[in-house]
Amino acid sequence: MNRRMKNVQYSGIRKFFNEVKNYPDAISLTVGQPDFKLPKSIEDGVLKAISEGKTYYTMNQGIPELRERICKYLDDEYSIKFNKDEMILTVGGSEALFVTFNTIFNEGDNVLTPSPGYPAYENTLRFVGANPIFYDVNKNGKIDFGGIEDAFESKDIKGIVMCFPNNPTGISLTENDKIKFYEILRKYPECKIISDEMYSTIVYDKFETICEYEELLDRTILVSGFSKMFSMTGLRLGFICAKSPYIDELNKVHLYATSSAASIVQYGTLYGFDKALYDVEIMREEFRARRDFVYNRLIKMGFKVEKPMGAFYIFPSLEGIASKDSYDFCVDLIKYAGVACVPGSAFGEMGEGYMRISYCNSIDELEKGLVRIENYIDK
């Protein structure tokens, strides 16, 4: 057995979901995927690809037409400048992260990692043999830039993982945050930057990205995909962008991991891309309405909570609400209130004392779940 596996754990989310299965009547506010249908243009595009017989291997990096279209979108929307030869289409964002960490980092490397954060960062880094060094992205609802600078000064930092909008908090970069990151990172030219932008299309104001700085782009790896953007989590299509020489080395790992992303998904996304952008706008505005509804209800219920800037999660504090830790509180919510939320501890130690609520439900269903929470905490 690989010795590193002893450092790799199933995520706390998985552990908690095993509890949820025992309560089939619970209202679930846990799901991390949009509840919208796949855009019709992409559905039709996949069927067209099948009818055309596009069921064979593609280039390892993915079909050039789709890579070119994505690069144009990134430039038009966010002023992110990569060309099609600097992109790999992957089997979802998870493969993109796995390929990136295994290509970029060595055993013993110290890598700054957001906390609370997506559990795959910590565990994939440990699989590689790297050391996650956590920085707080929820210090009074803000990013702890002082802690980031302290880590750079006291440790040999080889890389930083950035995820904005953040899962689970919904925190995104402000323009000032982006500038602060730039001012820090420009002082450490050996630090590799991994920017996970899976939620970039679900931002309720202007999306800010470190990838705007061309000065940093030569050592930045952008990871993203279409699971959230086009509500197609099961179709598994992501991408990596990086400059040479990184892109060539990333493609080696991708080649031996999966060969290529599914051909019909690549072609289907290409065929339906432009029309599906209208669906993105509709989804974002619906998520905005849900965000506002859930935030206002939680405030009225007495929760301390920051208003999310993006994604489809909200991360209320349990201070003054719960006398137990977040895991036990959320287990009690299922047992006695019939509503499931994810304990903050599932996202690392800095998530303790919070819980994650997903608003990937209709407002009517969200209201039912929130009423159950309200009745439980009022007892």
Protein backbone atom coordinates (compact mmCIF):
# COMPACT_ATOMS: atom_id res chain seq x y z
CA MET A 1 0.00 0.00 0.00
CA ASN A 2 1.25 3.49 -0.82
CA ARG A 3 2.51 4.94 2.48
CA ARG A 4 0.97 8.30 1.66
CA MET A 5 -2.54 6.83 1.82
CA LYS A 6 -2.45 6.93 5.60
CA ASN A 7 -2.48 10.74 5.30
CA VAL A 8 -5.43 10.78 2.88
CA GLN A 9 -8.91 10.70 4.42
CA TYR A 10 -12.41 10.48 3.08
CA SER A 11 -13.81 13.98 3.30
CA GLY A 12 -15.90 15.02 6.27
CA ILE A 13 -18.64 15.71 3.74
CA ARG A 14 -18.71 12.02 2.77
CA LYS A 15 -18.80 10.99 6.44
CA PHE A 16 -21.73 13.29 7.03
CA PHE A 17 -23.60 12.18 3.91
CA ASN A 18 -23.52 8.62 5.28
CA GLU A 19 -25.60 9.95 8.19
CA VAL A 20 -28.03 11.72 5.86
CA LYS A 21 -28.87 8.47 4.06
CA ASN A 22 -30.50 7.21 7.25
CA TYR A 23 -33.10 9.99 7.12
CA PRO A 24 -34.78 9.83 3.69
CA ASP A 25 -37.52 12.29 4.71
CA ALA A 26 -35.07 15.05 5.66
CA ILE A 27 -34.98 18.21 3.55
CA SER A 28 -31.46 18.35 2.17
CA LEU A 29 -29.68 21.70 2.08
CA THR A 30 -26.39 19.94 1.44
CA VAL A 31 -26.15 19.45 -2.30
CA GLY A 32 -23.20 21.04 -4.08
CA GLN A 33 -24.63 21.08 -7.56
CA PRO A 34 -27.14 23.34 -9.34
CA ASP A 35 -30.71 22.09 -9.42
CA PHE A 36 -31.28 23.43 -12.94
CA LYS A 37 -31.65 21.23 -16.00
CA LEU A 38 -28.82 20.85 -18.46
CA PRO A 39 -29.14 23.65 -21.05
CA LYS A 40 -31.16 22.39 -24.00
CA SER A 41 -28.49 23.51 -26.46
CA ILE A 42 -25.90 21.25 -24.81
CA GLU A 43 -28.34 18.36 -24.51
CA ASP A 44 -29.04 18.68 -28.23
CA GLY A 45 -25.32 19.07 -28.89
CA VAL A 46 -24.48 15.79 -27.13
CA LEU A 47 -27.19 13.96 -29.09
CA LYS A 48 -25.88 15.50 -32.30
CA ALA A 49 -22.35 14.34 -31.46
CA ILE A 50 -23.63 10.79 -30.94
CA SER A 51 -25.58 10.84 -34.21
CA GLU A 52 -22.47 12.08 -36.02
CA GLY A 53 -20.45 9.19 -34.62
CA LYS A 54 -18.11 11.35 -32.56
CA THR A 55 -17.54 8.53 -30.08
CA TYR A 56 -13.80 7.99 -30.47
CA TYR A 57 -10.70 9.29 -28.71
CA THR A 58 -9.96 12.96 -29.22
CA MET A 59 -6.61 14.70 -28.93
CA ASN A 60 -5.30 14.33 -25.39
CA GLN A 61 -5.66 18.06 -24.80
CA GLY A 62 -9.21 18.01 -26.16
CA ILE A 63 -10.75 19.18 -29.41
CA PRO A 64 -9.10 22.42 -30.56
CA GLU A 65 -12.38 24.12 -31.53
CA LEU A 66 -13.72 23.95 -27.97
CA ARG A 67 -10.42 25.00 -26.45
CA GLU A 68 -10.37 28.01 -28.76
CA ARG A 69 -13.96 28.92 -27.85
CA ILE A 70 -13.23 28.71 -24.11
CA CYS A 71 -10.13 30.89 -24.48
CA LYS A 72 -12.18 33.52 -26.28
CA TYR A 73 -14.77 33.41 -23.51
CA LEU A 74 -12.12 33.83 -20.80
CA ASP A 75 -10.63 36.81 -22.61
CA ASP A 76 -13.97 38.46 -23.42
CA GLU A 77 -15.44 38.03 -19.94
CA TYR A 78 -12.45 38.26 -17.60
CA SER A 79 -9.45 39.51 -19.62
CA ILE A 80 -7.69 36.20 -18.97
CA LYS A 81 -5.28 35.56 -21.83
CA PHE A 82 -4.48 31.96 -22.75
CA ASN A 83 -4.49 30.37 -26.20
CA LYS A 84 -5.85 26.95 -27.15
CA ASP A 85 -2.41 25.34 -26.94
CA GLU A 86 -2.23 26.43 -23.31
CA MET A 87 -5.39 24.54 -22.33
CA ILE A 88 -6.24 20.93 -21.48
CA LEU A 89 -9.81 19.65 -21.33
CA THR A 90 -10.17 17.31 -18.35
CA VAL A 91 -12.64 14.87 -16.83
CA GLY A 92 -14.18 17.49 -14.56
CA GLY A 93 -12.53 19.93 -12.19
CA SER A 94 -11.45 17.11 -9.88
CA GLU A 95 -9.14 15.63 -12.50
CA ALA A 96 -7.86 19.12 -13.25
CA LEU A 97 -6.86 19.55 -9.60
CA PHE A 98 -5.37 16.06 -9.38
CA VAL A 99 -3.29 16.56 -12.51
CA THR A 100 -2.15 20.01 -11.39
CA PHE A 101 -1.05 19.02 -7.89
CA ASN A 102 0.72 15.88 -9.12
CA THR A 103 2.56 17.83 -11.82
CA ILE A 104 3.51 20.98 -9.96
CA PHE A 105 4.41 19.90 -6.42
CA ASN A 106 7.05 17.65 -4.92
CA GLU A 107 7.10 15.68 -1.70
CA GLY A 108 7.69 18.02 1.23
CA ASP A 109 6.56 21.19 -0.57
CA ASN A 110 4.66 23.67 1.59
CA VAL A 111 1.50 24.84 -0.17
CA LEU A 112 -0.79 27.57 1.15
CA THR A 113 -4.33 26.23 1.12
CA PRO A 114 -7.60 28.07 1.90
CA SER A 115 -9.49 27.15 5.05
CA PRO A 116 -12.34 26.59 5.38
CA GLY A 117 -12.06 25.05 1.95
CA TYR A 118 -12.89 22.26 -0.44
CA PRO A 119 -11.55 19.03 1.16
CA ALA A 120 -9.94 17.82 -2.08
CA TYR A 121 -7.19 20.45 -1.78
CA GLU A 122 -5.81 19.11 1.49
CA ASN A 123 -6.18 15.44 0.63
CA THR A 124 -4.81 15.63 -2.90
CA LEU A 125 -1.81 17.58 -1.63
CA ARG A 126 -1.23 14.90 1.01
CA PHE A 127 -1.51 12.23 -1.68
CA VAL A 128 1.30 14.00 -3.54
CA GLY A 129 3.31 14.21 -0.31
CA ALA A 130 3.08 18.00 -0.09
CA ASN A 131 2.20 19.85 3.12
CA PRO A 132 -0.96 21.99 3.16
CA ILE A 133 -0.36 25.20 5.12
CA PHE A 134 -3.77 26.68 5.87
CA TYR A 135 -4.67 30.33 5.53
CA ASP A 136 -7.93 31.73 6.86
CA VAL A 137 -10.47 32.96 4.30
CA ASN A 138 -13.16 33.53 6.92
CA LYS A 139 -11.52 35.72 9.56
CA ASN A 140 -14.44 37.95 10.51
CA GLY A 141 -15.74 37.27 7.02
CA LYS A 142 -12.47 38.40 5.39
CA ILE A 143 -9.28 36.91 3.99
CA ASP A 144 -6.45 36.92 6.54
CA PHE A 145 -3.72 38.60 4.49
CA GLY A 146 -1.58 39.07 7.59
CA GLY A 147 -1.53 35.31 8.10
CA ILE A 148 -0.60 34.78 4.45
CA GLU A 149 2.35 37.18 4.70
CA ASP A 150 3.48 35.55 7.95
CA ALA A 151 3.47 32.14 6.25
CA PHE A 152 5.59 33.41 3.36
CA GLU A 153 8.07 34.96 5.77
CA SER A 154 8.35 31.96 8.10
CA LYS A 155 8.05 28.98 5.75
CA ASP A 156 9.44 27.98 2.38
CA ILE A 157 6.18 28.31 0.45
CA LYS A 158 6.23 26.62 -2.96
CA GLY A 159 2.65 27.32 -4.00
CA ILE A 160 -0.70 28.81 -3.11
CA VAL A 161 -4.18 27.50 -3.88
CA MET A 162 -6.82 30.18 -4.40
CA CYS A 163 -10.54 29.40 -4.66
CA PHE A 164 -12.83 32.37 -5.20
CA PRO A 165 -15.77 32.30 -4.94
CA ASN A 166 -15.01 30.03 -2.02
CA ASN A 167 -16.66 26.76 -1.13
CA PRO A 168 -18.10 26.75 1.58
CA THR A 169 -18.25 30.45 2.51
CA GLY A 170 -19.30 32.14 -0.73
CA ILE A 171 -16.57 34.74 -0.15
CA SER A 172 -15.15 36.13 -3.39
CA LEU A 173 -12.33 38.53 -4.19
CA THR A 174 -12.97 42.24 -4.07
CA GLU A 175 -10.78 44.44 -6.25
CA ASN A 176 -8.83 45.40 -3.13
CA ASP A 177 -8.35 41.71 -2.22
CA LYS A 178 -7.05 41.00 -5.71
CA ILE A 179 -4.54 43.84 -5.43
CA LYS A 180 -3.37 42.61 -2.00
CA PHE A 181 -2.78 39.11 -3.36
CA TYR A 182 -0.86 40.58 -6.30
CA GLU A 183 1.33 42.72 -4.04
CA ILE A 184 2.21 39.69 -1.92
CA LEU A 185 2.74 37.20 -4.75
CA ARG A 186 4.91 39.48 -6.88
CA LYS A 187 7.46 39.41 -4.02
CA TYR A 188 7.77 35.61 -4.23
CA PRO A 189 8.48 34.72 -7.88
CA GLU A 190 9.13 31.04 -7.10
CA CYS A 191 5.61 30.54 -5.72
CA LYS A 192 3.28 28.69 -8.10
CA ILE A 193 -0.32 29.94 -8.14
CA ILE A 194 -3.26 27.58 -8.58
CA SER A 195 -6.50 29.48 -9.12
CA ASP A 196 -9.64 27.33 -8.85
CA GLU A 197 -12.38 29.33 -10.57
CA MET A 198 -15.11 26.70 -10.81
CA TYR A 199 -17.69 29.16 -9.46
CA SER A 200 -16.61 32.16 -11.55
CA THR A 201 -19.95 32.45 -13.37
CA ILE A 202 -21.93 32.50 -10.11
CA VAL A 203 -20.77 35.88 -8.79
CA TYR A 204 -23.27 38.58 -7.84
CA ASP A 205 -20.99 41.53 -8.60
CA LYS A 206 -17.85 41.80 -10.73
CA PHE A 207 -15.72 38.67 -10.77
CA GLU A 208 -12.13 39.44 -9.77
CA THR A 209 -9.32 37.02 -10.60
CA ILE A 210 -5.59 36.90 -9.99
CA CYS A 211 -5.29 35.67 -13.60
CA GLU A 212 -5.83 39.24 -14.81
CA TYR A 213 -2.19 39.98 -13.95
CA GLU A 214 -0.13 38.95 -16.96
CA GLU A 215 2.99 39.47 -14.86
CA LEU A 216 1.92 36.45 -12.76
CA LEU A 217 0.43 34.34 -15.55
CA ASP A 218 3.66 32.49 -16.39
CA ARG A 219 3.45 30.73 -13.01
CA THR A 220 -0.33 30.55 -12.65
CA ILE A 221 -2.39 27.44 -13.33
CA LEU A 222 -6.08 28.14 -13.85
CA VAL A 223 -8.44 25.29 -12.98
CA SER A 224 -12.12 25.48 -13.86
CA GLY A 225 -14.92 23.70 -15.70
CA PHE A 226 -18.56 23.49 -16.65
CA SER A 227 -20.15 21.48 -13.84
CA LYS A 228 -21.53 24.57 -12.13
CA MET A 229 -21.58 26.94 -15.10
CA PHE A 230 -23.81 24.74 -17.27
CA SER A 231 -25.35 22.56 -14.52
CA MET A 232 -23.69 19.44 -15.94
CA THR A 233 -21.90 17.91 -12.95
CA GLY A 234 -22.36 14.36 -14.23
CA LEU A 235 -20.96 15.04 -17.69
CA ARG A 236 -17.51 15.70 -16.20
CA LEU A 237 -15.84 18.42 -18.24
CA GLY A 238 -13.22 20.73 -16.78
CA PHE A 239 -10.10 22.46 -18.00
CA ILE A 240 -6.61 23.56 -17.05
CA CYS A 241 -4.86 26.63 -18.47
CA ALA A 242 -1.13 27.20 -18.07
CA LYS A 243 1.82 28.62 -19.94
CA SER A 244 4.80 26.62 -21.21
CA PRO A 245 6.59 24.65 -19.85
CA TYR A 246 3.86 23.77 -17.34
CA ILE A 247 1.18 22.92 -19.91
CA ASP A 248 3.39 20.26 -21.55
CA GLU A 249 4.11 18.56 -18.23
CA LEU A 250 0.47 18.81 -17.14
CA ASN A 251 -0.57 17.09 -20.36
CA LYS A 252 1.72 14.14 -19.60
CA VAL A 253 -0.05 13.45 -16.32
CA HIS A 254 -3.46 13.99 -17.94
CA LEU A 255 -2.52 11.58 -20.75
CA TYR A 256 -1.69 8.74 -18.38
CA ALA A 257 -4.57 9.48 -16.01
CA THR A 258 -7.50 9.58 -18.44
CA SER A 259 -6.23 9.94 -22.03
CA SER A 260 -8.95 12.49 -22.85
CA ALA A 261 -12.29 13.84 -21.74
CA ALA A 262 -15.38 12.15 -23.20
CA SER A 263 -15.66 12.99 -26.90
CA ILE A 264 -19.44 13.46 -27.00
CA VAL A 265 -19.31 15.81 -24.01
CA GLN A 266 -16.61 17.91 -25.66
CA TYR A 267 -18.50 18.18 -28.94
CA GLY A 268 -21.85 18.66 -27.21
CA THR A 269 -20.45 21.54 -25.18
CA LEU A 270 -18.93 23.08 -28.31
CA TYR A 271 -22.20 22.84 -30.23
CA GLY A 272 -24.28 24.29 -27.41
CA PHE A 273 -21.83 26.74 -25.84
CA ASP A 274 -23.10 30.07 -27.15
CA LYS A 275 -26.80 29.46 -26.53
CA ALA A 276 -26.07 27.99 -23.09
CA LEU A 277 -24.60 31.32 -21.98
CA TYR A 278 -28.17 32.63 -21.77
CA ASP A 279 -28.96 29.83 -19.29
CA VAL A 280 -26.00 30.96 -17.19
CA GLU A 281 -27.55 34.42 -16.80
CA ILE A 282 -30.91 32.95 -15.77
CA MET A 283 -29.29 30.65 -13.21
CA ARG A 284 -27.21 33.44 -11.70
CA GLU A 285 -30.21 35.70 -11.18
CA GLU A 286 -32.20 32.89 -9.59
CA PHE A 287 -29.29 32.10 -7.28
CA ARG A 288 -29.08 35.79 -6.38
CA ALA A 289 -32.76 35.78 -5.34
CA ARG A 290 -32.24 32.63 -3.29
CA ARG A 291 -29.09 34.05 -1.70
CA ASP A 292 -30.96 37.17 -0.60
CA PHE A 293 -33.89 35.13 0.72
CA VAL A 294 -31.77 32.71 2.77
CA TYR A 295 -29.50 35.46 4.10
CA ASN A 296 -32.42 37.60 5.30
CA ARG A 297 -34.14 34.61 6.91
CA LEU A 298 -30.99 33.57 8.77
CA ILE A 299 -30.47 37.11 10.08
CA LYS A 300 -34.06 37.18 11.37
CA MET A 301 -33.47 33.82 13.07
CA GLY A 302 -30.51 35.25 14.98
CA PHE A 303 -27.62 33.73 13.06
CA LYS A 304 -24.39 35.67 12.56
CA VAL A 305 -23.64 35.33 8.87
CA GLU A 306 -21.80 37.09 6.05
CA LYS A 307 -23.70 37.72 2.84
CA PRO A 308 -22.14 35.51 0.15
CA MET A 309 -20.59 37.22 -2.86
CA GLY A 310 -20.73 34.16 -5.06
CA ALA A 311 -21.27 30.40 -5.44
CA PHE A 312 -24.50 28.93 -4.02
CA TYR A 313 -23.53 28.41 -0.39
CA ILE A 314 -23.99 30.39 2.80
CA PHE A 315 -21.94 29.72 5.94
CA PRO A 316 -23.69 30.86 9.13
CA SER A 317 -21.91 30.86 12.48
CA LEU A 318 -23.34 28.66 15.22
CA GLU A 319 -22.17 31.07 17.91
CA GLY A 320 -25.05 31.66 20.31
CA ILE A 321 -27.08 28.99 18.51
CA ALA A 322 -25.45 25.66 19.32
CA SER A 323 -23.78 24.33 22.45
CA LYS A 324 -22.28 21.39 20.53
CA ASP A 325 -19.64 21.20 17.83
CA SER A 326 -20.79 21.64 14.25
CA TYR A 327 -20.89 17.93 13.43
CA ASP A 328 -23.05 16.97 16.41
CA PHE A 329 -25.31 20.00 15.86
CA CYS A 330 -25.90 19.03 12.23
CA VAL A 331 -26.56 15.41 13.19
CA ASP A 332 -29.16 16.64 15.68
CA LEU A 333 -30.70 18.82 12.96
CA ILE A 334 -31.30 15.73 10.86
CA LYS A 335 -32.58 13.61 13.72
CA TYR A 336 -34.85 16.12 15.42
CA ALA A 337 -35.62 18.75 12.78
CA GLY A 338 -35.57 16.72 9.58
CA VAL A 339 -33.22 19.04 7.72
CA ALA A 340 -29.68 18.35 6.55
CA CYS A 341 -26.85 20.92 6.45
CA VAL A 342 -23.11 20.24 6.21
CA PRO A 343 -21.05 20.83 9.39
CA GLY A 344 -18.34 23.43 9.01
CA SER A 345 -15.73 20.99 10.33
CA ALA A 346 -16.08 19.07 7.04
CA PHE A 347 -14.13 21.95 5.46
CA GLY A 348 -11.23 21.93 7.90
CA GLU A 349 -10.51 23.12 11.41
CA MET A 350 -11.19 26.75 10.50
CA GLY A 351 -14.72 25.74 9.53
CA GLU A 352 -15.60 24.54 13.03
CA GLY A 353 -18.38 26.56 14.62
CA TYR A 354 -20.21 27.02 11.31
CA MET A 355 -22.45 25.05 8.98
CA ARG A 356 -22.87 25.17 5.22
CA ILE A 357 -26.28 25.65 3.68
CA SER A 358 -26.65 25.14 -0.06
CA TYR A 359 -29.39 27.12 -1.75
CA CYS A 360 -29.64 24.77 -4.73
CA ASN A 361 -33.35 24.36 -4.04
CA SER A 362 -36.49 26.31 -4.89
CA ILE A 363 -37.36 29.16 -2.53
CA ASP A 364 -40.39 27.15 -1.36
CA GLU A 365 -38.18 24.20 -0.43
CA LEU A 366 -35.62 26.49 1.19
CA GLU A 367 -38.36 28.06 3.30
CA LYS A 368 -39.52 24.64 4.47
CA GLY A 369 -35.99 23.74 5.52
CA LEU A 370 -35.38 27.07 7.25
CA VAL A 371 -38.67 26.82 9.15
CA ARG A 372 -37.55 23.44 10.48
CA ILE A 373 -34.22 24.93 11.59
CA GLU A 374 -36.02 27.88 13.19
CA ASN A 375 -38.42 25.63 15.09
CA TYR A 376 -35.53 23.48 16.32
CA ILE A 377 -33.35 26.31 17.62
CA ASP A 378 -36.37 28.01 19.24
CA LYS A 379 -37.11 24.97 21.41
